[in-house]
């Protein structure tokens, strides 16, 4: 039906995941999200706690939707992942770090939960227990920044507040 384009440091939220990119294009069909393209340094992160964030980055990300929920997310080109392993699901106790590089990654979700991850073309990975992470290993992917302060609340989304445009300010920037 239409395409919604986002520029100027856009941030998109999907459940616990934050996605940033230089620009985003959201495609809709019958007024429901169908696909979302994240172009120019797309980076997805999930907060485990205020110090540790699972992160995925690549040249391009494409999210596919069904009934308004993401069921697949592809990361294409120089895909990188920093994943913090936890003691058990839902726990904030972090036991290790895994760093993975591959040509591409596909994430498959079922009922909003990660079902399967497929790394393509011979991924390289390294796994460290937390006490043995070398100083040379980055804990964050390049350009990662958590924007928790920009996450909209349910109230702010459901209650319409119309603000004056700042378009002229942004055109001068």
Protein backbone atom coordinates (compact mmCIF):
# COMPACT_ATOMS: atom_id res chain seq x y z
CA UNK A 1 0.00 0.00 0.00
CA UNK A 2 2.64 2.50 0.98
CA UNK A 3 6.18 3.07 2.19
CA UNK A 4 7.09 5.00 5.32
CA UNK A 5 10.63 6.38 5.25
CA UNK A 6 12.52 7.36 8.38
CA UNK A 7 15.66 9.52 8.40
CA UNK A 8 17.67 11.56 10.94
CA UNK A 9 18.86 8.93 13.42
CA UNK A 10 15.74 6.73 13.42
CA UNK A 11 15.20 4.17 16.15
CA UNK A 12 12.63 1.39 15.87
CA UNK A 13 11.52 -0.86 18.71
CA UNK A 14 10.17 -4.38 18.44
CA UNK A 15 9.38 -5.87 21.82
CA UNK A 16 12.77 -5.79 23.64
CA UNK A 17 14.81 -5.10 20.49
CA UNK A 18 16.11 -1.71 19.42
CA UNK A 19 17.06 -1.21 15.76
CA UNK A 20 19.01 1.79 14.50
CA UNK A 21 20.18 2.62 10.97
CA UNK A 22 20.97 5.64 8.82
CA UNK A 23 17.53 5.25 7.22
CA UNK A 24 14.55 2.90 7.31
CA UNK A 25 11.81 2.04 4.84
CA UNK A 26 8.68 0.37 6.22
CA UNK A 27 6.42 -1.29 3.65
CA UNK A 28 2.76 -1.83 4.46
CA UNK A 29 0.06 -3.98 2.88
CA UNK A 30 -3.58 -3.37 3.80
CA UNK A 31 -2.39 -0.86 6.42
CA UNK A 32 -0.30 -3.48 8.24
CA UNK A 33 3.51 -3.71 8.31
CA UNK A 34 4.78 -6.19 5.72
CA UNK A 35 8.56 -5.57 5.52
CA UNK A 36 11.04 -3.15 7.01
CA UNK A 37 14.37 -2.32 5.37
CA UNK A 38 17.18 -0.92 7.51
CA UNK A 39 19.92 0.69 5.41
CA UNK A 40 23.28 2.22 6.27
CA UNK A 41 24.91 0.65 9.33
CA UNK A 42 21.86 -1.14 10.74
CA UNK A 43 22.38 -2.39 14.27
CA UNK A 44 19.97 -4.35 16.46
CA UNK A 45 20.44 -4.61 20.20
CA UNK A 46 18.68 -6.22 23.14
CA UNK A 47 19.36 -5.11 26.69
CA UNK A 48 20.24 -7.87 29.15
CA UNK A 49 21.07 -5.35 31.86
CA UNK A 50 22.57 -1.86 31.87
CA UNK A 51 26.03 -3.23 31.05
CA UNK A 52 25.43 -6.08 28.61
CA UNK A 53 23.61 -5.94 25.27
CA UNK A 54 23.20 -8.64 22.62
CA UNK A 55 24.03 -6.97 19.30
CA UNK A 56 23.78 -7.74 15.58
CA UNK A 57 25.14 -5.60 12.75
CA UNK A 58 25.49 -5.88 8.98
CA UNK A 59 25.32 -3.86 5.78
CA UNK A 60 21.56 -4.34 5.44
CA UNK A 61 18.72 -5.74 7.57
CA UNK A 62 15.29 -6.78 6.40
CA UNK A 63 12.49 -7.68 8.82
CA UNK A 64 9.50 -9.66 7.54
CA UNK A 65 6.13 -9.37 9.27
CA UNK A 66 3.04 -11.55 9.48
CA UNK A 67 -0.08 -10.29 11.29
CA UNK A 68 1.93 -7.34 12.63
CA UNK A 69 4.72 -9.45 14.20
CA UNK A 70 8.24 -10.16 12.98
CA UNK A 71 8.69 -13.78 11.91
CA UNK A 72 12.06 -13.45 10.14
CA UNK A 73 14.95 -11.00 10.19
CA UNK A 74 17.79 -11.18 7.64
CA UNK A 75 21.16 -9.50 8.14
CA UNK A 76 23.10 -9.31 4.88
CA UNK A 77 26.74 -8.40 4.30
CA UNK A 78 29.54 -8.54 6.88
CA UNK A 79 27.23 -9.74 9.64
CA UNK A 80 28.63 -9.45 13.15
CA UNK A 81 27.13 -10.66 16.41
CA UNK A 82 28.02 -10.14 20.05
CA UNK A 83 25.92 -12.48 22.15
CA UNK A 84 26.08 -12.76 25.93
CA UNK A 85 25.26 -16.19 27.23
CA UNK A 86 23.16 -16.34 30.37
CA UNK A 87 22.92 -18.84 33.19
CA UNK A 88 19.33 -19.62 32.28
CA UNK A 89 16.61 -18.03 30.17
CA UNK A 90 15.29 -14.84 31.77
CA UNK A 91 18.28 -14.57 34.09
CA UNK A 92 20.51 -11.50 34.06
CA UNK A 93 23.54 -13.56 35.19
CA UNK A 94 25.93 -13.45 32.23
CA UNK A 95 28.32 -16.40 31.92
CA UNK A 96 30.10 -15.79 28.62
CA UNK A 97 30.52 -13.80 25.42
CA UNK A 98 30.31 -15.15 21.89
CA UNK A 99 31.54 -13.08 18.95
CA UNK A 100 30.50 -14.30 15.47
CA UNK A 101 31.27 -13.02 11.97
CA UNK A 102 29.57 -14.37 8.85
CA UNK A 103 28.44 -13.27 5.40
CA UNK A 104 24.78 -13.22 6.45
CA UNK A 105 22.40 -14.31 9.21
CA UNK A 106 18.72 -15.21 9.24
CA UNK A 107 16.72 -15.14 12.48
CA UNK A 108 13.42 -17.04 12.59
CA UNK A 109 10.85 -16.24 15.27
CA UNK A 110 7.79 -18.16 16.40
CA UNK A 111 5.22 -16.40 18.61
CA UNK A 112 7.67 -13.56 19.19
CA UNK A 113 10.41 -15.89 20.49
CA UNK A 114 13.67 -16.81 18.74
CA UNK A 115 13.20 -20.20 17.14
CA UNK A 116 16.26 -20.63 14.92
CA UNK A 117 19.36 -18.69 13.84
CA UNK A 118 21.16 -19.56 10.59
CA UNK A 119 24.67 -18.19 10.00
CA UNK A 120 25.65 -18.39 6.33
CA UNK A 121 28.95 -19.06 4.54
CA UNK A 122 31.32 -20.51 7.12
CA UNK A 123 30.93 -18.29 10.17
CA UNK A 124 33.94 -17.55 12.35
CA UNK A 125 33.30 -17.42 16.06
CA UNK A 126 35.03 -17.23 19.39
CA UNK A 127 33.57 -18.01 22.81
CA UNK A 128 34.87 -16.66 26.10
CA UNK A 129 33.84 -17.28 29.69
CA UNK A 130 33.32 -13.84 31.28
CA UNK A 131 36.48 -14.05 33.40
CA UNK A 132 38.60 -14.83 30.32
CA UNK A 133 37.53 -12.11 27.86
CA UNK A 134 40.74 -10.51 26.55
CA UNK A 135 41.10 -6.74 26.64
CA UNK A 136 41.31 -6.75 22.85
CA UNK A 137 37.74 -8.10 22.54
CA UNK A 138 35.19 -5.31 22.17
CA UNK A 139 32.07 -5.65 24.31
CA UNK A 140 30.08 -3.50 21.86
CA UNK A 141 29.92 -3.46 18.09
CA UNK A 142 31.15 -0.31 16.35
CA UNK A 143 28.63 2.56 16.64
CA UNK A 144 26.41 0.71 19.15
CA UNK A 145 24.45 3.03 21.41
CA UNK A 146 21.46 2.13 23.56
CA UNK A 147 18.62 4.66 23.16
CA UNK A 148 16.44 3.59 26.09
CA UNK A 149 15.54 7.23 26.74
CA UNK A 150 14.00 7.44 23.25
CA UNK A 151 11.80 4.38 23.66
CA UNK A 152 8.16 5.46 23.60
CA UNK A 153 5.90 4.42 26.43
CA UNK A 154 2.53 2.80 25.79
CA UNK A 155 0.87 5.95 27.11
CA UNK A 156 2.78 8.25 24.76
CA UNK A 157 1.81 6.12 21.76
CA UNK A 158 -1.85 5.74 22.72
CA UNK A 159 -2.36 9.36 23.79
CA UNK A 160 -2.13 11.74 20.85
CA UNK A 161 0.01 14.78 21.53
CA UNK A 162 0.56 16.96 18.50
CA UNK A 163 3.77 18.95 18.57
CA UNK A 164 4.81 21.76 16.28
CA UNK A 165 7.03 20.83 13.38
CA UNK A 166 10.79 21.22 13.69
CA UNK A 167 11.32 20.65 10.00
CA UNK A 168 13.01 23.98 9.34
CA UNK A 169 15.50 23.26 12.16
CA UNK A 170 16.36 19.89 10.61
CA UNK A 171 16.72 21.29 7.09
CA UNK A 172 19.40 23.70 8.31
CA UNK A 173 21.37 20.88 9.99
